[in-house]
Amino acid sequence: NSFDIIWAEGSITTLGVEKSLRGWNRLLKPKGFLVIHDEIKHFFEKRHLVASYGYKLIEHFSLPEEAWWEEYYSPLEIKIKKLYIKYSNDPNALEVLNIHQTEIDMVKFSPKSFQSVFCIMKKI
């Protein structure tokens, strides 16, 4: 019971939703807040767990579909194109760049799959 707020940016899915909700609840002070930002599909699949782990969902909102593209992926793609030239003779660097370019291509193909949601919860 040490923190007034925990802000979890893209980590709840990686750590596990139930494990995270349970663990973070122990760390929050009474009436403390938990803010998570993660993929929208996981929120709707696991929304029912919020109350069972001692939280009240105060608010949630999704980011606009274009936000990730305009603010992250488009600038990243421009930078990656330059890095392909700079590291054209470095197989290790090219492998890393290919991984990032693959993700960019996936977002171009299916932007709705990469939408995200913010959830604001209060420990009850």
N, C-alpha and C. Protein backbone atom coordinates (compact mmCIF):
# COMPACT_ATOMS: atom_id res chain seq x y z
N ASN A 1 0.83 -1.19 0.00
CA ASN A 1 0.00 0.00 0.00
C ASN A 1 0.87 1.25 0.00
N SER A 2 1.70 1.40 -1.03
CA SER A 2 2.68 2.47 -1.06
C SER A 2 2.37 3.60 -2.04
N PHE A 3 1.59 3.33 -3.08
CA PHE A 3 1.46 4.29 -4.17
C PHE A 3 0.05 4.85 -4.29
N ASP A 4 -0.02 6.15 -4.61
CA ASP A 4 -1.30 6.80 -4.89
C ASP A 4 -1.80 6.45 -6.29
N ILE A 5 -0.85 6.25 -7.20
CA ILE A 5 -1.20 5.96 -8.59
C ILE A 5 -0.14 5.04 -9.20
N ILE A 6 -0.60 4.13 -10.01
CA ILE A 6 0.28 3.29 -10.84
C ILE A 6 -0.14 3.53 -12.28
N TRP A 7 0.84 3.84 -13.12
CA TRP A 7 0.60 4.08 -14.54
C TRP A 7 1.29 2.96 -15.31
N ALA A 8 0.50 2.13 -15.95
CA ALA A 8 1.03 0.96 -16.66
C ALA A 8 0.87 1.16 -18.16
N GLU A 9 1.94 1.44 -18.81
CA GLU A 9 1.94 1.75 -20.24
C GLU A 9 2.34 0.52 -21.05
N GLY A 10 1.35 -0.15 -21.63
CA GLY A 10 1.62 -1.28 -22.50
C GLY A 10 2.19 -2.51 -21.82
N SER A 11 2.00 -2.63 -20.52
CA SER A 11 2.62 -3.74 -19.80
C SER A 11 1.65 -4.79 -19.29
N ILE A 12 0.39 -4.47 -19.17
CA ILE A 12 -0.55 -5.39 -18.52
C ILE A 12 -0.71 -6.69 -19.32
N THR A 13 -0.71 -6.60 -20.63
CA THR A 13 -0.85 -7.80 -21.45
C THR A 13 0.42 -8.65 -21.35
N THR A 14 1.56 -8.01 -21.36
CA THR A 14 2.83 -8.73 -21.29
C THR A 14 2.98 -9.45 -19.95
N LEU A 15 2.62 -8.77 -18.88
CA LEU A 15 2.77 -9.35 -17.54
C LEU A 15 1.65 -10.33 -17.19
N GLY A 16 0.52 -10.19 -17.86
CA GLY A 16 -0.66 -10.99 -17.56
C GLY A 16 -1.69 -10.14 -16.85
N VAL A 17 -2.89 -10.09 -17.37
CA VAL A 17 -3.92 -9.19 -16.85
C VAL A 17 -4.25 -9.51 -15.40
N GLU A 18 -4.57 -10.76 -15.11
CA GLU A 18 -4.97 -11.11 -13.75
C GLU A 18 -3.82 -10.94 -12.76
N LYS A 19 -2.65 -11.38 -13.13
CA LYS A 19 -1.48 -11.23 -12.26
C LYS A 19 -1.21 -9.75 -11.98
N SER A 20 -1.32 -8.92 -13.01
CA SER A 20 -1.06 -7.49 -12.85
C SER A 20 -2.09 -6.82 -11.96
N LEU A 21 -3.37 -7.08 -12.23
CA LEU A 21 -4.43 -6.46 -11.42
C LEU A 21 -4.28 -6.85 -9.94
N ARG A 22 -3.98 -8.09 -9.69
CA ARG A 22 -3.81 -8.57 -8.31
C ARG A 22 -2.57 -7.92 -7.66
N GLY A 23 -1.47 -7.94 -8.36
CA GLY A 23 -0.22 -7.41 -7.81
C GLY A 23 -0.25 -5.91 -7.60
N TRP A 24 -0.79 -5.19 -8.56
CA TRP A 24 -0.85 -3.73 -8.44
C TRP A 24 -1.81 -3.31 -7.33
N ASN A 25 -2.85 -4.10 -7.10
CA ASN A 25 -3.79 -3.78 -6.03
C ASN A 25 -3.07 -3.77 -4.68
N ARG A 26 -2.16 -4.70 -4.49
CA ARG A 26 -1.40 -4.76 -3.23
C ARG A 26 -0.48 -3.54 -3.06
N LEU A 27 -0.06 -2.96 -4.17
CA LEU A 27 0.86 -1.82 -4.12
C LEU A 27 0.16 -0.48 -3.95
N LEU A 28 -1.11 -0.42 -4.31
CA LEU A 28 -1.86 0.84 -4.25
C LEU A 28 -2.37 1.13 -2.84
N LYS A 29 -2.33 2.40 -2.48
CA LYS A 29 -2.97 2.85 -1.24
C LYS A 29 -4.48 2.71 -1.40
N PRO A 30 -5.22 2.66 -0.29
CA PRO A 30 -6.68 2.67 -0.40
C PRO A 30 -7.14 3.88 -1.23
N LYS A 31 -8.05 3.66 -2.12
CA LYS A 31 -8.58 4.67 -3.03
C LYS A 31 -7.54 5.18 -4.03
N GLY A 32 -6.45 4.41 -4.21
CA GLY A 32 -5.43 4.77 -5.19
C GLY A 32 -5.93 4.49 -6.60
N PHE A 33 -5.24 5.03 -7.58
CA PHE A 33 -5.65 4.91 -8.98
C PHE A 33 -4.69 4.04 -9.77
N LEU A 34 -5.26 3.29 -10.69
CA LEU A 34 -4.50 2.50 -11.65
C LEU A 34 -4.90 2.98 -13.03
N VAL A 35 -3.91 3.39 -13.81
CA VAL A 35 -4.15 3.82 -15.19
C VAL A 35 -3.39 2.85 -16.08
N ILE A 36 -4.10 2.23 -17.00
CA ILE A 36 -3.44 1.33 -17.95
C ILE A 36 -3.68 1.83 -19.36
N HIS A 37 -2.70 1.60 -20.19
CA HIS A 37 -2.81 1.90 -21.62
C HIS A 37 -2.32 0.65 -22.34
N ASP A 38 -3.21 0.05 -23.12
CA ASP A 38 -2.85 -1.20 -23.78
C ASP A 38 -3.73 -1.40 -25.01
N GLU A 39 -3.52 -2.52 -25.68
CA GLU A 39 -4.31 -2.84 -26.88
C GLU A 39 -5.79 -2.92 -26.52
N ILE A 40 -6.61 -2.36 -27.37
CA ILE A 40 -8.04 -2.27 -27.09
C ILE A 40 -8.69 -3.65 -27.01
N LYS A 41 -8.23 -4.60 -27.82
CA LYS A 41 -8.88 -5.92 -27.83
C LYS A 41 -8.75 -6.61 -26.48
N HIS A 42 -7.63 -6.39 -25.80
CA HIS A 42 -7.44 -7.02 -24.49
C HIS A 42 -8.35 -6.40 -23.44
N PHE A 43 -8.63 -5.12 -23.57
CA PHE A 43 -9.50 -4.46 -22.60
C PHE A 43 -10.90 -5.06 -22.63
N PHE A 44 -11.45 -5.21 -23.80
CA PHE A 44 -12.82 -5.71 -23.89
C PHE A 44 -12.91 -7.20 -23.54
N GLU A 45 -11.83 -7.94 -23.78
CA GLU A 45 -11.81 -9.35 -23.40
C GLU A 45 -11.74 -9.54 -21.88
N LYS A 46 -11.10 -8.61 -21.19
CA LYS A 46 -10.82 -8.78 -19.76
C LYS A 46 -11.52 -7.75 -18.86
N ARG A 47 -12.36 -6.92 -19.42
CA ARG A 47 -13.02 -5.85 -18.67
C ARG A 47 -13.76 -6.37 -17.43
N HIS A 48 -14.33 -7.54 -17.54
CA HIS A 48 -15.11 -8.11 -16.44
C HIS A 48 -14.25 -8.41 -15.20
N LEU A 49 -12.94 -8.47 -15.35
CA LEU A 49 -12.06 -8.79 -14.23
C LEU A 49 -11.79 -7.61 -13.30
N VAL A 50 -12.05 -6.41 -13.77
CA VAL A 50 -11.70 -5.21 -13.00
C VAL A 50 -12.29 -5.26 -11.59
N ALA A 51 -13.58 -5.45 -11.47
CA ALA A 51 -14.24 -5.45 -10.16
C ALA A 51 -13.80 -6.63 -9.31
N SER A 52 -13.57 -7.77 -9.93
CA SER A 52 -13.21 -8.96 -9.15
C SER A 52 -11.82 -8.85 -8.52
N TYR A 53 -11.00 -7.91 -8.99
CA TYR A 53 -9.68 -7.70 -8.39
C TYR A 53 -9.62 -6.42 -7.55
N GLY A 54 -10.80 -5.88 -7.20
CA GLY A 54 -10.84 -4.78 -6.25
C GLY A 54 -10.73 -3.38 -6.82
N TYR A 55 -11.21 -3.20 -8.05
CA TYR A 55 -11.17 -1.88 -8.68
C TYR A 55 -12.56 -1.47 -9.16
N LYS A 56 -12.73 -0.17 -9.29
CA LYS A 56 -13.91 0.37 -9.96
C LYS A 56 -13.40 1.07 -11.22
N LEU A 57 -13.99 0.73 -12.36
CA LEU A 57 -13.62 1.39 -13.61
C LEU A 57 -14.23 2.79 -13.61
N ILE A 58 -13.40 3.80 -13.58
CA ILE A 58 -13.85 5.19 -13.55
C ILE A 58 -14.14 5.69 -14.96
N GLU A 59 -13.23 5.41 -15.88
CA GLU A 59 -13.36 5.92 -17.25
C GLU A 59 -12.47 5.10 -18.16
N HIS A 60 -12.83 5.04 -19.41
CA HIS A 60 -11.95 4.48 -20.44
C HIS A 60 -12.21 5.21 -21.74
N PHE A 61 -11.17 5.33 -22.54
CA PHE A 61 -11.30 5.95 -23.86
C PHE A 61 -10.22 5.39 -24.78
N SER A 62 -10.58 5.24 -26.02
CA SER A 62 -9.63 4.72 -27.00
C SER A 62 -8.98 5.88 -27.74
N LEU A 63 -7.75 5.65 -28.15
CA LEU A 63 -7.06 6.64 -28.97
C LEU A 63 -7.59 6.54 -30.39
N PRO A 64 -7.65 7.65 -31.10
CA PRO A 64 -8.09 7.58 -32.49
C PRO A 64 -7.18 6.66 -33.31
N GLU A 65 -7.78 5.98 -34.25
CA GLU A 65 -7.04 5.02 -35.08
C GLU A 65 -5.79 5.64 -35.70
N GLU A 66 -5.89 6.87 -36.14
CA GLU A 66 -4.77 7.50 -36.84
C GLU A 66 -3.67 7.98 -35.89
N ALA A 67 -3.93 8.04 -34.60
CA ALA A 67 -2.94 8.57 -33.66
C ALA A 67 -1.62 7.80 -33.71
N TRP A 68 -1.70 6.48 -33.66
CA TRP A 68 -0.47 5.68 -33.69
C TRP A 68 0.28 5.88 -35.00
N TRP A 69 -0.46 5.96 -36.10
CA TRP A 69 0.21 6.12 -37.39
C TRP A 69 0.88 7.48 -37.47
N GLU A 70 0.16 8.54 -37.20
CA GLU A 70 0.68 9.89 -37.38
C GLU A 70 1.80 10.22 -36.40
N GLU A 71 1.66 9.77 -35.17
CA GLU A 71 2.61 10.17 -34.13
C GLU A 71 3.76 9.20 -33.91
N TYR A 72 3.61 7.97 -34.39
CA TYR A 72 4.66 6.98 -34.11
C TYR A 72 5.15 6.26 -35.36
N TYR A 73 4.27 5.54 -36.03
CA TYR A 73 4.71 4.65 -37.11
C TYR A 73 5.20 5.39 -38.35
N SER A 74 4.54 6.45 -38.74
CA SER A 74 4.98 7.19 -39.92
C SER A 74 6.37 7.80 -39.71
N PRO A 75 6.62 8.51 -38.60
CA PRO A 75 7.98 9.01 -38.37
C PRO A 75 9.01 7.88 -38.23
N LEU A 76 8.60 6.78 -37.62
CA LEU A 76 9.51 5.64 -37.48
C LEU A 76 9.88 5.08 -38.85
N GLU A 77 8.92 4.97 -39.73
CA GLU A 77 9.19 4.43 -41.07
C GLU A 77 10.17 5.32 -41.83
N ILE A 78 10.03 6.62 -41.70
CA ILE A 78 10.96 7.55 -42.36
C ILE A 78 12.37 7.33 -41.82
N LYS A 79 12.48 7.20 -40.52
CA LYS A 79 13.80 6.99 -39.89
C LYS A 79 14.39 5.64 -40.31
N ILE A 80 13.56 4.62 -40.38
CA ILE A 80 14.05 3.29 -40.76
C ILE A 80 14.60 3.29 -42.18
N LYS A 81 13.94 4.00 -43.09
CA LYS A 81 14.44 4.08 -44.48
C LYS A 81 15.86 4.65 -44.51
N LYS A 82 16.12 5.64 -43.70
CA LYS A 82 17.46 6.23 -43.62
C LYS A 82 18.45 5.24 -43.01
N LEU A 83 17.99 4.50 -42.01
CA LEU A 83 18.87 3.54 -41.34
C LEU A 83 19.20 2.34 -42.23
N TYR A 84 18.28 1.97 -43.13
CA TYR A 84 18.58 0.90 -44.08
C TYR A 84 19.78 1.27 -44.94
N ILE A 85 19.86 2.52 -45.33
CA ILE A 85 20.99 2.98 -46.14
C ILE A 85 22.26 3.01 -45.29
N LYS A 86 22.16 3.57 -44.11
CA LYS A 86 23.33 3.71 -43.23
C LYS A 86 23.92 2.35 -42.85
N TYR A 87 23.07 1.37 -42.61
CA TYR A 87 23.53 0.06 -42.14
C TYR A 87 23.37 -1.04 -43.18
N SER A 88 23.46 -0.67 -44.44
CA SER A 88 23.22 -1.63 -45.52
C SER A 88 24.19 -2.81 -45.52
N ASN A 89 25.34 -2.66 -44.90
CA ASN A 89 26.32 -3.75 -44.84
C ASN A 89 26.39 -4.43 -43.47
N ASP A 90 25.42 -4.16 -42.62
CA ASP A 90 25.41 -4.72 -41.27
C ASP A 90 24.21 -5.66 -41.12
N PRO A 91 24.43 -6.98 -41.26
CA PRO A 91 23.31 -7.92 -41.21
C PRO A 91 22.52 -7.89 -39.90
N ASN A 92 23.20 -7.66 -38.79
CA ASN A 92 22.50 -7.60 -37.50
C ASN A 92 21.57 -6.40 -37.43
N ALA A 93 22.05 -5.26 -37.88
CA ALA A 93 21.22 -4.05 -37.89
C ALA A 93 20.05 -4.22 -38.85
N LEU A 94 20.30 -4.80 -40.01
CA LEU A 94 19.23 -5.01 -40.99
C LEU A 94 18.15 -5.94 -40.44
N GLU A 95 18.56 -6.92 -39.68
CA GLU A 95 17.58 -7.83 -39.08
C GLU A 95 16.65 -7.08 -38.12
N VAL A 96 17.22 -6.22 -37.31
CA VAL A 96 16.41 -5.42 -36.38
C VAL A 96 15.49 -4.47 -37.15
N LEU A 97 16.02 -3.83 -38.16
CA LEU A 97 15.21 -2.92 -38.98
C LEU A 97 14.06 -3.66 -39.65
N ASN A 98 14.33 -4.87 -40.12
CA ASN A 98 13.27 -5.67 -40.75
C ASN A 98 12.15 -6.00 -39.78
N ILE A 99 12.49 -6.27 -38.53
CA ILE A 99 11.47 -6.55 -37.51
C ILE A 99 10.55 -5.34 -37.35
N HIS A 100 11.15 -4.17 -37.25
CA HIS A 100 10.35 -2.95 -37.09
C HIS A 100 9.54 -2.63 -38.35
N GLN A 101 10.13 -2.86 -39.50
CA GLN A 101 9.40 -2.60 -40.74
C GLN A 101 8.23 -3.56 -40.89
N THR A 102 8.39 -4.78 -40.44
CA THR A 102 7.28 -5.75 -40.48
C THR A 102 6.12 -5.26 -39.63
N GLU A 103 6.42 -4.74 -38.45
CA GLU A 103 5.35 -4.20 -37.60
C GLU A 103 4.66 -3.01 -38.28
N ILE A 104 5.42 -2.14 -38.89
CA ILE A 104 4.85 -1.00 -39.61
C ILE A 104 3.93 -1.49 -40.71
N ASP A 105 4.38 -2.49 -41.46
CA ASP A 105 3.55 -3.04 -42.54
C ASP A 105 2.26 -3.64 -42.00
N MET A 106 2.33 -4.27 -40.84
CA MET A 106 1.12 -4.84 -40.23
C MET A 106 0.13 -3.73 -39.86
N VAL A 107 0.64 -2.63 -39.35
CA VAL A 107 -0.23 -1.50 -38.99
C VAL A 107 -0.87 -0.91 -40.24
N LYS A 108 -0.11 -0.81 -41.31
CA LYS A 108 -0.67 -0.31 -42.57
C LYS A 108 -1.79 -1.21 -43.06
N PHE A 109 -1.59 -2.51 -42.95
CA PHE A 109 -2.55 -3.49 -43.45
C PHE A 109 -3.81 -3.54 -42.59
N SER A 110 -3.65 -3.43 -41.28
CA SER A 110 -4.79 -3.58 -40.37
C SER A 110 -4.69 -2.60 -39.19
N PRO A 111 -4.91 -1.31 -39.44
CA PRO A 111 -4.74 -0.32 -38.37
C PRO A 111 -5.65 -0.54 -37.17
N LYS A 112 -6.84 -1.08 -37.39
CA LYS A 112 -7.77 -1.30 -36.27
C LYS A 112 -7.21 -2.32 -35.27
N SER A 113 -6.37 -3.21 -35.74
CA SER A 113 -5.78 -4.22 -34.85
C SER A 113 -4.79 -3.62 -33.86
N PHE A 114 -4.39 -2.38 -34.09
CA PHE A 114 -3.39 -1.74 -33.25
C PHE A 114 -3.95 -0.59 -32.43
N GLN A 115 -5.27 -0.49 -32.37
CA GLN A 115 -5.87 0.56 -31.55
C GLN A 115 -5.60 0.28 -30.08
N SER A 116 -5.57 1.35 -29.30
CA SER A 116 -5.30 1.19 -27.88
C SER A 116 -6.31 1.96 -27.04
N VAL A 117 -6.36 1.60 -25.77
CA VAL A 117 -7.34 2.18 -24.85
C VAL A 117 -6.64 2.57 -23.55
N PHE A 118 -7.09 3.68 -22.99
CA PHE A 118 -6.70 4.08 -21.64
C PHE A 118 -7.83 3.71 -20.71
N CYS A 119 -7.50 3.13 -19.57
CA CYS A 119 -8.48 2.79 -18.54
C CYS A 119 -8.03 3.41 -17.23
N ILE A 120 -8.95 4.10 -16.59
CA ILE A 120 -8.67 4.70 -15.29
C ILE A 120 -9.52 3.97 -14.26
N MET A 121 -8.86 3.36 -13.29
CA MET A 121 -9.54 2.58 -12.27
C MET A 121 -9.17 3.10 -10.89
N LYS A 122 -10.06 2.88 -9.95
CA LYS A 122 -9.82 3.26 -8.56
C LYS A 122 -9.92 2.03 -7.69
N LYS A 123 -8.98 1.89 -6.78
CA LYS A 123 -9.00 0.77 -5.84
C LYS A 123 -10.19 0.97 -4.89
N ILE A 124 -10.98 -0.10 -4.74
CA ILE A 124 -12.14 0.00 -3.84
C ILE A 124 -11.94 -0.86 -2.60
